[in-house]
């Protein structure tokens, strides 16, 4: 499918619970089996599966390098790397788009997985740039928890109104267009001082 020597970008996107990390790990495992030099990066802020691993919902995992910024990722690249995997790309800064293009231009296969939209259905982080410049884009779908239809949206069900809120099933559900509802942050019943007993 791909020319071995040509660099390119593969983007795996969609809503939460759609299998993006599973597909990323599957492709990267095949590259490892092919004895290619592979590096995997993930955002340092995503601590759900442990700091230094990408873990899928079916418990497959690969070692990953946690980094805070795209600049830190660039510095962490090894000489001679052939395949670079990036998980949860939406949490990175806008420098990620130019970085993955630089890598592809240098002949490296770059596989990026991330949410294309936030819980408000707005473009999320550097993903729009990556989707626009990727040679291959796969849009994954979950199953709507309300009606069973293909789900593309990440419905926030708990927490605040900030864009970035790392969470899992306690804070998000997969929803289709028909079942999606605009999230309303719940007001705090007590102030932090009252909760601390002050």
C-alpha atoms as a PDB file:
ATOM      1  CA  UNK A   1       0.000   0.000   0.000  1.00  0.00           C
ATOM      2  CA  UNK A   2       2.800   2.434   0.885  1.00  0.00           C
ATOM      3  CA  UNK A   3       6.134   2.943  -0.800  1.00  0.00           C
ATOM      4  CA  UNK A   4       8.748   1.824   1.696  1.00  0.00           C
ATOM      5  CA  UNK A   5      11.097   4.783   1.219  1.00  0.00           C
ATOM      6  CA  UNK A   6       8.540   7.588   0.977  1.00  0.00           C
ATOM      7  CA  UNK A   7       7.578   9.581   4.014  1.00  0.00           C
ATOM      8  CA  UNK A   8       3.937  10.307   4.628  1.00  0.00           C
ATOM      9  CA  UNK A   9       1.354  11.098   7.320  1.00  0.00           C
ATOM     10  CA  UNK A  10      -1.401   8.707   8.386  1.00  0.00           C
ATOM     11  CA  UNK A  11      -4.087  10.291  10.579  1.00  0.00           C
ATOM     12  CA  UNK A  12      -6.447   8.204  12.694  1.00  0.00           C
ATOM     13  CA  UNK A  13      -9.254  10.316  14.091  1.00  0.00           C
ATOM     14  CA  UNK A  14     -12.812  10.283  15.423  1.00  0.00           C
ATOM     15  CA  UNK A  15     -14.560  10.604  18.764  1.00  0.00           C
ATOM     16  CA  UNK A  16     -13.705   8.998  22.078  1.00  0.00           C
ATOM     17  CA  UNK A  17     -14.112   5.206  22.406  1.00  0.00           C
ATOM     18  CA  UNK A  18     -13.833   4.735  18.634  1.00  0.00           C
ATOM     19  CA  UNK A  19     -10.669   2.628  18.591  1.00  0.00           C
ATOM     20  CA  UNK A  20      -8.080   5.220  17.544  1.00  0.00           C
ATOM     21  CA  UNK A  21      -5.389   3.999  19.944  1.00  0.00           C
ATOM     22  CA  UNK A  22      -6.129   0.370  19.050  1.00  0.00           C
ATOM     23  CA  UNK A  23      -5.554   1.146  15.367  1.00  0.00           C
ATOM     24  CA  UNK A  24      -2.406   3.144  16.168  1.00  0.00           C
ATOM     25  CA  UNK A  25      -0.974   0.262  18.209  1.00  0.00           C
ATOM     26  CA  UNK A  26      -1.913  -2.270  15.503  1.00  0.00           C
ATOM     27  CA  UNK A  27      -0.017  -0.315  12.828  1.00  0.00           C
ATOM     28  CA  UNK A  28       2.983   0.296  15.053  1.00  0.00           C
ATOM     29  CA  UNK A  29       3.192  -3.383  16.067  1.00  0.00           C
ATOM     30  CA  UNK A  30       3.319  -4.325  12.374  1.00  0.00           C
ATOM     31  CA  UNK A  31       6.165  -1.847  11.866  1.00  0.00           C
ATOM     32  CA  UNK A  32       8.040  -3.417  14.801  1.00  0.00           C
ATOM     33  CA  UNK A  33       7.483  -6.901  13.333  1.00  0.00           C
ATOM     34  CA  UNK A  34       8.919  -5.573  10.055  1.00  0.00           C
ATOM     35  CA  UNK A  35      12.028  -4.591  12.061  1.00  0.00           C
ATOM     36  CA  UNK A  36      11.619  -0.905  11.410  1.00  0.00           C
ATOM     37  CA  UNK A  37      12.960   1.628  13.890  1.00  0.00           C
ATOM     38  CA  UNK A  38       9.889   2.945  15.700  1.00  0.00           C
ATOM     39  CA  UNK A  39       9.361   5.697  18.268  1.00  0.00           C
ATOM     40  CA  UNK A  40       6.067   6.452  19.989  1.00  0.00           C
ATOM     41  CA  UNK A  41       5.163   9.695  21.727  1.00  0.00           C
ATOM     42  CA  UNK A  42       2.254  10.683  23.931  1.00  0.00           C
ATOM     43  CA  UNK A  43       1.367  13.839  25.883  1.00  0.00           C
ATOM     44  CA  UNK A  44       2.799  13.952  29.379  1.00  0.00           C
ATOM     45  CA  UNK A  45      -0.558  15.263  30.633  1.00  0.00           C
ATOM     46  CA  UNK A  46      -2.333  12.000  29.726  1.00  0.00           C
ATOM     47  CA  UNK A  47      -1.655   9.817  32.766  1.00  0.00           C
ATOM     48  CA  UNK A  48      -4.671   7.489  32.437  1.00  0.00           C
ATOM     49  CA  UNK A  49      -2.660   4.448  31.327  1.00  0.00           C
ATOM     50  CA  UNK A  50       0.539   5.139  33.188  1.00  0.00           C
ATOM     51  CA  UNK A  51       3.179   7.630  32.211  1.00  0.00           C
ATOM     52  CA  UNK A  52       5.208   5.747  29.653  1.00  0.00           C
ATOM     53  CA  UNK A  53       2.788   3.515  27.730  1.00  0.00           C
ATOM     54  CA  UNK A  54       0.038   3.711  25.165  1.00  0.00           C
ATOM     55  CA  UNK A  55      -2.614   1.273  26.403  1.00  0.00           C
ATOM     56  CA  UNK A  56      -5.707   0.316  24.423  1.00  0.00           C
ATOM     57  CA  UNK A  57      -9.114  -0.643  25.786  1.00  0.00           C
ATOM     58  CA  UNK A  58      -8.380  -4.279  24.958  1.00  0.00           C
ATOM     59  CA  UNK A  59      -5.178  -4.029  27.053  1.00  0.00           C
ATOM     60  CA  UNK A  60      -2.633  -4.001  24.239  1.00  0.00           C
ATOM     61  CA  UNK A  61       0.223  -1.676  24.994  1.00  0.00           C
ATOM     62  CA  UNK A  62       3.428  -0.229  23.657  1.00  0.00           C
ATOM     63  CA  UNK A  63       6.126   1.772  25.382  1.00  0.00           C
ATOM     64  CA  UNK A  64       5.892   5.475  24.664  1.00  0.00           C
ATOM     65  CA  UNK A  65       7.880   8.607  25.428  1.00  0.00           C
ATOM     66  CA  UNK A  66       5.808  11.184  27.351  1.00  0.00           C
ATOM     67  CA  UNK A  67       6.523  14.770  26.259  1.00  0.00           C
ATOM     68  CA  UNK A  68       4.953  18.127  27.046  1.00  0.00           C
ATOM     69  CA  UNK A  69       5.444  19.980  23.752  1.00  0.00           C
ATOM     70  CA  UNK A  70       6.137  19.404  20.082  1.00  0.00           C
ATOM     71  CA  UNK A  71       9.574  21.002  20.598  1.00  0.00           C
ATOM     72  CA  UNK A  72      10.361  18.403  23.267  1.00  0.00           C
ATOM     73  CA  UNK A  73       9.194  15.681  20.874  1.00  0.00           C
ATOM     74  CA  UNK A  74      11.474  17.013  18.146  1.00  0.00           C
ATOM     75  CA  UNK A  75      14.461  16.907  20.535  1.00  0.00           C
ATOM     76  CA  UNK A  76      13.580  13.354  21.569  1.00  0.00           C
ATOM     77  CA  UNK A  77      13.684  11.879  18.067  1.00  0.00           C
ATOM     78  CA  UNK A  78      16.366   9.261  17.507  1.00  0.00           C
ATOM     79  CA  UNK A  79      18.679   9.318  14.517  1.00  0.00           C
ATOM     80  CA  UNK A  80      17.521   6.803  11.894  1.00  0.00           C
ATOM     81  CA  UNK A  81      13.930   6.497  13.126  1.00  0.00           C
ATOM     82  CA  UNK A  82      11.691   5.170  10.341  1.00  0.00           C
ATOM     83  CA  UNK A  83       8.227   5.278  11.915  1.00  0.00           C
ATOM     84  CA  UNK A  84       6.930   7.806  14.444  1.00  0.00           C
ATOM     85  CA  UNK A  85       3.654   7.199  16.276  1.00  0.00           C
ATOM     86  CA  UNK A  86       1.848   9.947  18.182  1.00  0.00           C
ATOM     87  CA  UNK A  87      -1.139   9.250  20.442  1.00  0.00           C
ATOM     88  CA  UNK A  88      -3.664  11.805  21.777  1.00  0.00           C
ATOM     89  CA  UNK A  89      -2.324  14.415  19.356  1.00  0.00           C
ATOM     90  CA  UNK A  90      -5.109  16.893  20.186  1.00  0.00           C
ATOM     91  CA  UNK A  91      -3.385  17.650  23.502  1.00  0.00           C
ATOM     92  CA  UNK A  92      -0.238  18.993  21.815  1.00  0.00           C
ATOM     93  CA  UNK A  93       0.529  22.569  20.753  1.00  0.00           C
ATOM     94  CA  UNK A  94       0.207  23.966  17.224  1.00  0.00           C
ATOM     95  CA  UNK A  95       3.847  23.135  16.510  1.00  0.00           C
ATOM     96  CA  UNK A  96       2.862  19.488  16.043  1.00  0.00           C
ATOM     97  CA  UNK A  97       1.465  20.070  12.539  1.00  0.00           C
ATOM     98  CA  UNK A  98       4.711  21.501  11.141  1.00  0.00           C
ATOM     99  CA  UNK A  99       6.725  18.818  12.973  1.00  0.00           C
ATOM    100  CA  UNK A 100       4.854  15.873  11.452  1.00  0.00           C
ATOM    101  CA  UNK A 101       5.171  17.468   8.013  1.00  0.00           C
ATOM    102  CA  UNK A 102       8.920  17.945   8.511  1.00  0.00           C
ATOM    103  CA  UNK A 103       9.206  14.281   9.479  1.00  0.00           C
ATOM    104  CA  UNK A 104       7.224  13.112   6.450  1.00  0.00           C
ATOM    105  CA  UNK A 105       9.307  15.371   4.177  1.00  0.00           C
ATOM    106  CA  UNK A 106      12.409  13.682   5.625  1.00  0.00           C
ATOM    107  CA  UNK A 107      11.113  10.259   4.522  1.00  0.00           C
ATOM    108  CA  UNK A 108       9.593   9.120   7.834  1.00  0.00           C
ATOM    109  CA  UNK A 109       6.221   7.393   8.145  1.00  0.00           C
ATOM    110  CA  UNK A 110       4.220   9.341  10.749  1.00  0.00           C
ATOM    111  CA  UNK A 111       1.090   7.821  12.301  1.00  0.00           C
ATOM    112  CA  UNK A 112      -0.984  10.267  14.343  1.00  0.00           C
ATOM    113  CA  UNK A 113      -4.049   9.394  16.443  1.00  0.00           C
ATOM    114  CA  UNK A 114      -6.244  12.041  18.027  1.00  0.00           C
ATOM    115  CA  UNK A 115      -9.668  13.557  18.492  1.00  0.00           C
ATOM    116  CA  UNK A 116     -10.690  15.819  15.638  1.00  0.00           C
ATOM    117  CA  UNK A 117     -13.328  17.594  17.783  1.00  0.00           C
ATOM    118  CA  UNK A 118     -13.683  18.565  21.423  1.00  0.00           C
ATOM    119  CA  UNK A 119     -16.797  17.973  23.546  1.00  0.00           C
ATOM    120  CA  UNK A 120     -18.402  21.083  22.003  1.00  0.00           C
ATOM    121  CA  UNK A 121     -17.873  19.648  18.481  1.00  0.00           C
ATOM    122  CA  UNK A 122     -15.214  22.264  17.721  1.00  0.00           C
ATOM    123  CA  UNK A 123     -11.877  21.492  15.972  1.00  0.00           C
ATOM    124  CA  UNK A 124      -9.394  20.312  18.575  1.00  0.00           C
ATOM    125  CA  UNK A 125      -5.767  21.432  18.873  1.00  0.00           C
ATOM    126  CA  UNK A 126      -3.394  20.701  15.979  1.00  0.00           C
ATOM    127  CA  UNK A 127      -5.592  17.941  14.515  1.00  0.00           C
ATOM    128  CA  UNK A 128      -7.233  20.111  11.789  1.00  0.00           C
ATOM    129  CA  UNK A 129      -3.772  20.989  10.407  1.00  0.00           C
ATOM    130  CA  UNK A 130      -2.704  17.349  10.490  1.00  0.00           C
ATOM    131  CA  UNK A 131      -5.909  16.126   8.845  1.00  0.00           C
ATOM    132  CA  UNK A 132      -5.515  18.702   6.075  1.00  0.00           C
ATOM    133  CA  UNK A 133      -1.945  17.659   5.248  1.00  0.00           C
ATOM    134  CA  UNK A 134      -2.118  13.881   5.820  1.00  0.00           C
ATOM    135  CA  UNK A 135      -1.966  11.574   2.824  1.00  0.00           C
ATOM    136  CA  UNK A 136      -4.186   9.012   4.554  1.00  0.00           C
ATOM    137  CA  UNK A 137      -7.065   9.745   6.941  1.00  0.00           C
ATOM    138  CA  UNK A 138      -9.184   7.144   8.725  1.00  0.00           C
ATOM    139  CA  UNK A 139     -12.220   8.417  10.607  1.00  0.00           C
ATOM    140  CA  UNK A 140     -13.247   5.949  13.294  1.00  0.00           C
ATOM    141  CA  UNK A 141     -16.683   5.682  14.905  1.00  0.00           C
ATOM    142  CA  UNK A 142     -17.763   4.421  18.300  1.00  0.00           C
ATOM    143  CA  UNK A 143     -21.246   3.165  19.197  1.00  0.00           C
ATOM    144  CA  UNK A 144     -23.745   5.673  20.573  1.00  0.00           C
ATOM    145  CA  UNK A 145     -24.562   4.706  24.172  1.00  0.00           C
ATOM    146  CA  UNK A 146     -28.111   6.031  23.756  1.00  0.00           C
ATOM    147  CA  UNK A 147     -29.330   4.453  20.507  1.00  0.00           C
ATOM    148  CA  UNK A 148     -26.607   2.158  19.156  1.00  0.00           C
ATOM    149  CA  UNK A 149     -25.973   4.168  15.976  1.00  0.00           C
ATOM    150  CA  UNK A 150     -22.440   5.002  14.812  1.00  0.00           C
ATOM    151  CA  UNK A 151     -21.163   7.710  17.159  1.00  0.00           C
ATOM    152  CA  UNK A 152     -18.760  10.447  16.199  1.00  0.00           C
ATOM    153  CA  UNK A 153     -19.082  12.867  19.119  1.00  0.00           C
ATOM    154  CA  UNK A 154     -17.530  12.865  22.587  1.00  0.00           C
ATOM    155  CA  UNK A 155     -20.379  13.842  24.914  1.00  0.00           C
ATOM    156  CA  UNK A 156     -19.104  15.298  28.185  1.00  0.00           C
ATOM    157  CA  UNK A 157     -21.342  14.173  31.038  1.00  0.00           C
ATOM    158  CA  UNK A 158     -19.406  15.462  34.065  1.00  0.00           C
ATOM    159  CA  UNK A 159     -16.853  18.086  34.949  1.00  0.00           C
ATOM    160  CA  UNK A 160     -16.283  21.669  33.978  1.00  0.00           C
ATOM    161  CA  UNK A 161     -16.442  23.675  30.795  1.00  0.00           C
ATOM    162  CA  UNK A 162     -12.706  23.855  29.988  1.00  0.00           C
ATOM    163  CA  UNK A 163     -11.684  22.362  26.649  1.00  0.00           C
ATOM    164  CA  UNK A 164      -9.049  19.993  28.007  1.00  0.00           C
ATOM    165  CA  UNK A 165     -10.310  17.634  30.664  1.00  0.00           C
ATOM    166  CA  UNK A 166      -8.585  14.266  30.654  1.00  0.00           C
ATOM    167  CA  UNK A 167     -11.115  11.586  31.486  1.00  0.00           C
ATOM    168  CA  UNK A 168     -12.744   8.352  30.482  1.00  0.00           C
ATOM    169  CA  UNK A 169     -16.194   6.798  30.949  1.00  0.00           C
ATOM    170  CA  UNK A 170     -16.783   8.772  34.158  1.00  0.00           C
ATOM    171  CA  UNK A 171     -16.746  12.037  32.192  1.00  0.00           C
ATOM    172  CA  UNK A 172     -17.565  11.167  28.564  1.00  0.00           C
ATOM    173  CA  UNK A 173     -19.916   9.093  26.437  1.00  0.00           C
ATOM    174  CA  UNK A 174     -19.932   8.307  22.734  1.00  0.00           C
ATOM    175  CA  UNK A 175     -22.954   9.905  21.047  1.00  0.00           C
ATOM    176  CA  UNK A 176     -24.350  10.158  17.529  1.00  0.00           C
ATOM    177  CA  UNK A 177     -25.545  13.465  16.064  1.00  0.00           C
ATOM    178  CA  UNK A 178     -29.157  12.806  17.079  1.00  0.00           C
ATOM    179  CA  UNK A 179     -28.322  11.976  20.708  1.00  0.00           C
ATOM    180  CA  UNK A 180     -25.623  14.603  21.260  1.00  0.00           C
ATOM    181  CA  UNK A 181     -26.584  17.392  23.698  1.00  0.00           C
ATOM    182  CA  UNK A 182     -24.752  20.611  24.457  1.00  0.00           C
ATOM    183  CA  UNK A 183     -22.902  20.177  27.768  1.00  0.00           C
ATOM    184  CA  UNK A 184     -23.836  22.445  30.662  1.00  0.00           C
ATOM    185  CA  UNK A 185     -21.185  22.651  33.383  1.00  0.00           C
ATOM    186  CA  UNK A 186     -22.695  21.974  36.790  1.00  0.00           C
ATOM    187  CA  UNK A 187     -22.400  24.819  39.305  1.00  0.00           C
ATOM    188  CA  UNK A 188     -20.362  24.047  42.403  1.00  0.00           C
ATOM    189  CA  UNK A 189     -22.573  23.396  45.412  1.00  0.00           C
ATOM    190  CA  UNK A 190     -19.789  24.387  47.800  1.00  0.00           C
ATOM    191  CA  UNK A 191     -16.818  26.698  47.479  1.00  0.00           C
ATOM    192  CA  UNK A 192     -13.327  25.224  47.804  1.00  0.00           C
ATOM    193  CA  UNK A 193     -12.998  26.930  51.213  1.00  0.00           C
ATOM    194  CA  UNK A 194     -16.206  25.303  52.461  1.00  0.00           C
ATOM    195  CA  UNK A 195     -14.985  21.912  51.205  1.00  0.00           C
ATOM    196  CA  UNK A 196     -11.665  22.429  53.037  1.00  0.00           C
ATOM    197  CA  UNK A 197     -13.569  23.226  56.255  1.00  0.00           C
ATOM    198  CA  UNK A 198     -12.417  26.849  56.419  1.00  0.00           C
END
